[in-house]
């Protein structure tokens, strides 16, 4: 039971940190397209439904999913327009 509480507290802290990081990026972002990506991810962390975000930002569900994955994999850099994901080769 204590372990579950610790996990929940840790997750809440990670979400709060992500929201703050995304908000700072949005506030300083010079490109509206990058800001929209960050806003979509921020709204996910604030428990908005994907369909709500789709309506608010007028973007596809696939875009929202891709932006979230890019952020989770590469952080803020994953939301930048010129960012390309490195394909990781399997380790043998």
N, C-alpha and C. Protein backbone atom coordinates (compact mmCIF):
# COMPACT_ATOMS: atom_id res chain seq x y z
N UNK A 1 0.82 -1.19 0.00
CA UNK A 1 0.00 0.00 0.00
C UNK A 1 0.87 1.27 0.00
N UNK A 2 1.90 1.26 0.83
CA UNK A 2 2.80 2.41 0.87
C UNK A 2 3.50 2.58 -0.47
N UNK A 3 3.89 1.46 -1.08
CA UNK A 3 4.55 1.50 -2.38
C UNK A 3 3.64 2.14 -3.43
N UNK A 4 2.35 1.83 -3.40
CA UNK A 4 1.40 2.42 -4.34
C UNK A 4 1.30 3.93 -4.15
N UNK A 5 1.32 4.37 -2.89
CA UNK A 5 1.26 5.80 -2.61
C UNK A 5 2.52 6.51 -3.11
N UNK A 6 3.66 5.87 -2.93
CA UNK A 6 4.91 6.44 -3.42
C UNK A 6 4.92 6.52 -4.94
N UNK A 7 4.43 5.48 -5.60
CA UNK A 7 4.36 5.49 -7.07
C UNK A 7 3.42 6.58 -7.55
N UNK A 8 2.28 6.74 -6.89
CA UNK A 8 1.33 7.77 -7.28
C UNK A 8 1.92 9.16 -7.08
N UNK A 9 2.63 9.37 -5.98
CA UNK A 9 3.26 10.66 -5.71
C UNK A 9 4.35 10.96 -6.73
N UNK A 10 5.13 9.95 -7.07
CA UNK A 10 6.18 10.12 -8.06
C UNK A 10 5.60 10.47 -9.42
N UNK A 11 4.54 9.77 -9.82
CA UNK A 11 3.89 10.05 -11.10
C UNK A 11 3.32 11.46 -11.12
N UNK A 12 2.70 11.88 -10.03
CA UNK A 12 2.13 13.22 -9.96
C UNK A 12 3.23 14.28 -10.09
N UNK A 13 4.37 14.04 -9.47
CA UNK A 13 5.50 14.96 -9.58
C UNK A 13 6.03 15.02 -11.01
N UNK A 14 6.15 13.86 -11.66
CA UNK A 14 6.62 13.82 -13.04
C UNK A 14 5.67 14.56 -13.97
N UNK A 15 4.37 14.39 -13.76
CA UNK A 15 3.38 15.07 -14.59
C UNK A 15 3.46 16.58 -14.37
N UNK A 16 3.57 17.00 -13.12
CA UNK A 16 3.68 18.43 -12.82
C UNK A 16 4.92 19.04 -13.45
N UNK A 17 6.02 18.30 -13.41
CA UNK A 17 7.27 18.77 -14.02
C UNK A 17 7.11 18.89 -15.54
N UNK A 18 6.48 17.92 -16.15
CA UNK A 18 6.26 17.95 -17.60
C UNK A 18 5.38 19.12 -17.98
N UNK A 19 4.31 19.35 -17.24
CA UNK A 19 3.41 20.46 -17.53
C UNK A 19 4.16 21.79 -17.44
N UNK A 20 4.96 21.96 -16.40
CA UNK A 20 5.73 23.20 -16.24
C UNK A 20 6.72 23.38 -17.38
N UNK A 21 7.40 22.30 -17.77
CA UNK A 21 8.36 22.37 -18.87
C UNK A 21 7.66 22.76 -20.18
N UNK A 22 6.52 22.13 -20.43
CA UNK A 22 5.77 22.43 -21.65
C UNK A 22 5.26 23.86 -21.64
N UNK A 23 4.77 24.34 -20.50
CA UNK A 23 4.27 25.71 -20.41
C UNK A 23 5.38 26.72 -20.67
N UNK A 24 6.55 26.46 -20.12
CA UNK A 24 7.69 27.36 -20.36
C UNK A 24 8.06 27.40 -21.84
N UNK A 25 8.05 26.23 -22.48
CA UNK A 25 8.35 26.16 -23.91
C UNK A 25 7.31 26.94 -24.72
N UNK A 26 6.04 26.76 -24.38
CA UNK A 26 4.96 27.46 -25.08
C UNK A 26 5.13 28.97 -24.93
N UNK A 27 5.45 29.42 -23.74
CA UNK A 27 5.58 30.85 -23.47
C UNK A 27 6.74 31.49 -24.22
N UNK A 28 7.78 30.72 -24.49
CA UNK A 28 8.96 31.29 -25.15
C UNK A 28 9.08 30.89 -26.61
N UNK A 29 8.16 30.09 -27.08
CA UNK A 29 8.23 29.55 -28.44
C UNK A 29 7.95 30.64 -29.48
N UNK A 30 8.74 30.65 -30.53
CA UNK A 30 8.56 31.63 -31.60
C UNK A 30 7.74 31.09 -32.76
N UNK A 31 7.55 29.81 -32.81
CA UNK A 31 6.83 29.19 -33.92
C UNK A 31 5.50 28.63 -33.42
N UNK A 32 4.41 29.10 -33.99
CA UNK A 32 3.08 28.69 -33.55
C UNK A 32 2.86 27.19 -33.72
N UNK A 33 3.50 26.58 -34.72
CA UNK A 33 3.32 25.14 -34.94
C UNK A 33 3.95 24.34 -33.81
N UNK A 34 5.12 24.77 -33.36
CA UNK A 34 5.76 24.10 -32.23
C UNK A 34 4.95 24.30 -30.95
N UNK A 35 4.43 25.51 -30.78
CA UNK A 35 3.62 25.81 -29.60
C UNK A 35 2.36 24.95 -29.58
N UNK A 36 1.75 24.74 -30.74
CA UNK A 36 0.54 23.91 -30.82
C UNK A 36 0.86 22.47 -30.43
N UNK A 37 1.98 21.96 -30.88
CA UNK A 37 2.39 20.60 -30.49
C UNK A 37 2.54 20.51 -28.98
N UNK A 38 3.25 21.48 -28.40
CA UNK A 38 3.48 21.47 -26.95
C UNK A 38 2.16 21.62 -26.19
N UNK A 39 1.27 22.46 -26.69
CA UNK A 39 -0.03 22.64 -26.03
C UNK A 39 -0.83 21.35 -26.06
N UNK A 40 -0.79 20.63 -27.16
CA UNK A 40 -1.50 19.36 -27.25
C UNK A 40 -0.99 18.38 -26.20
N UNK A 41 0.32 18.28 -26.08
CA UNK A 41 0.91 17.36 -25.11
C UNK A 41 0.58 17.82 -23.69
N UNK A 42 0.65 19.12 -23.45
CA UNK A 42 0.31 19.65 -22.12
C UNK A 42 -1.12 19.31 -21.75
N UNK A 43 -2.04 19.45 -22.69
CA UNK A 43 -3.44 19.13 -22.43
C UNK A 43 -3.63 17.64 -22.11
N UNK A 44 -2.85 16.78 -22.76
CA UNK A 44 -2.89 15.35 -22.44
C UNK A 44 -2.53 15.15 -20.98
N UNK A 45 -1.45 15.78 -20.54
CA UNK A 45 -1.01 15.64 -19.16
C UNK A 45 -2.00 16.27 -18.17
N UNK A 46 -2.85 17.16 -18.67
CA UNK A 46 -3.88 17.77 -17.82
C UNK A 46 -5.20 16.99 -17.91
N UNK A 47 -5.12 15.78 -18.46
CA UNK A 47 -6.25 14.84 -18.50
C UNK A 47 -7.37 15.22 -19.47
N UNK A 48 -7.06 16.00 -20.49
CA UNK A 48 -8.04 16.22 -21.55
C UNK A 48 -8.09 14.97 -22.41
N UNK A 49 -9.25 14.68 -22.95
CA UNK A 49 -9.39 13.57 -23.88
C UNK A 49 -8.80 13.96 -25.23
N UNK A 50 -8.28 12.96 -25.94
CA UNK A 50 -7.71 13.24 -27.27
C UNK A 50 -8.73 13.91 -28.18
N UNK A 51 -9.97 13.47 -28.09
CA UNK A 51 -11.02 14.05 -28.94
C UNK A 51 -11.26 15.52 -28.60
N UNK A 52 -11.14 15.88 -27.32
CA UNK A 52 -11.28 17.28 -26.92
C UNK A 52 -10.14 18.11 -27.49
N UNK A 53 -8.93 17.58 -27.40
CA UNK A 53 -7.76 18.29 -27.93
C UNK A 53 -7.89 18.45 -29.44
N UNK A 54 -8.37 17.40 -30.09
CA UNK A 54 -8.58 17.45 -31.54
C UNK A 54 -9.51 18.61 -31.90
N UNK A 55 -10.59 18.76 -31.16
CA UNK A 55 -11.55 19.83 -31.42
C UNK A 55 -10.97 21.20 -31.09
N UNK A 56 -10.30 21.32 -29.96
CA UNK A 56 -9.74 22.60 -29.52
C UNK A 56 -8.69 23.11 -30.50
N UNK A 57 -7.79 22.22 -30.92
CA UNK A 57 -6.64 22.65 -31.74
C UNK A 57 -6.82 22.39 -33.23
N UNK A 58 -7.92 21.71 -33.60
CA UNK A 58 -8.20 21.39 -34.99
C UNK A 58 -7.04 20.62 -35.63
N UNK A 59 -6.66 19.52 -34.96
CA UNK A 59 -5.60 18.64 -35.45
C UNK A 59 -6.10 17.21 -35.41
N UNK A 60 -5.40 16.33 -36.08
CA UNK A 60 -5.83 14.92 -36.13
C UNK A 60 -5.40 14.17 -34.87
N UNK A 61 -6.12 13.10 -34.59
CA UNK A 61 -5.76 12.25 -33.46
C UNK A 61 -4.37 11.65 -33.65
N UNK A 62 -4.03 11.31 -34.90
CA UNK A 62 -2.72 10.76 -35.20
C UNK A 62 -1.60 11.75 -34.88
N UNK A 63 -1.84 13.02 -35.18
CA UNK A 63 -0.84 14.04 -34.87
C UNK A 63 -0.63 14.15 -33.37
N UNK A 64 -1.72 14.16 -32.63
CA UNK A 64 -1.63 14.26 -31.17
C UNK A 64 -0.83 13.09 -30.61
N UNK A 65 -1.16 11.90 -31.08
CA UNK A 65 -0.45 10.70 -30.63
C UNK A 65 1.03 10.78 -30.95
N UNK A 66 1.36 11.18 -32.16
CA UNK A 66 2.75 11.30 -32.57
C UNK A 66 3.51 12.34 -31.76
N UNK A 67 2.88 13.47 -31.47
CA UNK A 67 3.53 14.52 -30.69
C UNK A 67 3.80 14.05 -29.27
N UNK A 68 2.85 13.34 -28.69
CA UNK A 68 3.05 12.82 -27.33
C UNK A 68 4.20 11.81 -27.31
N UNK A 69 4.23 10.93 -28.29
CA UNK A 69 5.31 9.95 -28.36
C UNK A 69 6.66 10.63 -28.55
N UNK A 70 6.70 11.64 -29.40
CA UNK A 70 7.95 12.37 -29.65
C UNK A 70 8.42 13.06 -28.37
N UNK A 71 7.49 13.65 -27.62
CA UNK A 71 7.86 14.31 -26.37
C UNK A 71 8.36 13.30 -25.35
N UNK A 72 7.68 12.17 -25.24
CA UNK A 72 8.09 11.16 -24.27
C UNK A 72 9.44 10.55 -24.62
N UNK A 73 9.74 10.47 -25.90
CA UNK A 73 11.01 9.89 -26.33
C UNK A 73 12.15 10.90 -26.27
N UNK A 74 11.90 12.13 -26.73
CA UNK A 74 12.99 13.10 -26.90
C UNK A 74 12.80 14.41 -26.15
N UNK A 75 11.79 14.51 -25.31
CA UNK A 75 11.55 15.74 -24.56
C UNK A 75 11.13 16.88 -25.48
N UNK A 76 11.42 18.09 -25.06
CA UNK A 76 11.05 19.28 -25.84
C UNK A 76 11.62 19.22 -27.25
N UNK A 77 12.81 18.70 -27.41
CA UNK A 77 13.42 18.60 -28.74
C UNK A 77 12.53 17.81 -29.70
N UNK A 78 11.79 16.86 -29.20
CA UNK A 78 10.90 16.06 -30.04
C UNK A 78 9.76 16.87 -30.63
N UNK A 79 9.50 18.04 -30.08
CA UNK A 79 8.41 18.89 -30.57
C UNK A 79 8.88 19.94 -31.58
N UNK A 80 10.16 20.05 -31.74
CA UNK A 80 10.70 21.05 -32.68
C UNK A 80 10.47 20.61 -34.11
N UNK A 81 10.28 21.58 -35.00
CA UNK A 81 9.96 21.29 -36.39
C UNK A 81 11.06 20.55 -37.12
N UNK A 82 12.30 20.88 -36.86
CA UNK A 82 13.40 20.27 -37.60
C UNK A 82 13.91 19.00 -36.93
N UNK A 83 13.22 18.52 -35.93
CA UNK A 83 13.67 17.34 -35.19
C UNK A 83 13.38 16.06 -35.98
N UNK A 84 14.36 15.21 -36.04
CA UNK A 84 14.15 13.89 -36.64
C UNK A 84 14.52 12.85 -35.60
N UNK A 85 13.68 11.85 -35.50
CA UNK A 85 13.94 10.79 -34.54
C UNK A 85 15.02 9.88 -35.07
N UNK A 86 15.92 9.52 -34.18
CA UNK A 86 16.92 8.54 -34.55
C UNK A 86 16.32 7.16 -34.37
N UNK A 87 16.47 6.36 -35.37
CA UNK A 87 15.99 4.98 -35.29
C UNK A 87 17.01 4.19 -34.49
N UNK A 88 16.51 3.54 -33.46
CA UNK A 88 17.40 2.77 -32.63
C UNK A 88 17.49 1.35 -33.18
N UNK A 89 18.71 0.92 -33.38
CA UNK A 89 18.94 -0.43 -33.87
C UNK A 89 18.85 -1.42 -32.72
N UNK A 90 18.36 -2.59 -32.99
CA UNK A 90 18.28 -3.57 -31.91
C UNK A 90 19.67 -3.98 -31.44
N UNK A 91 19.78 -4.22 -30.15
CA UNK A 91 21.05 -4.66 -29.59
C UNK A 91 21.08 -6.18 -29.59
N UNK A 92 22.22 -6.72 -29.93
CA UNK A 92 22.37 -8.18 -29.96
C UNK A 92 23.30 -8.64 -28.88
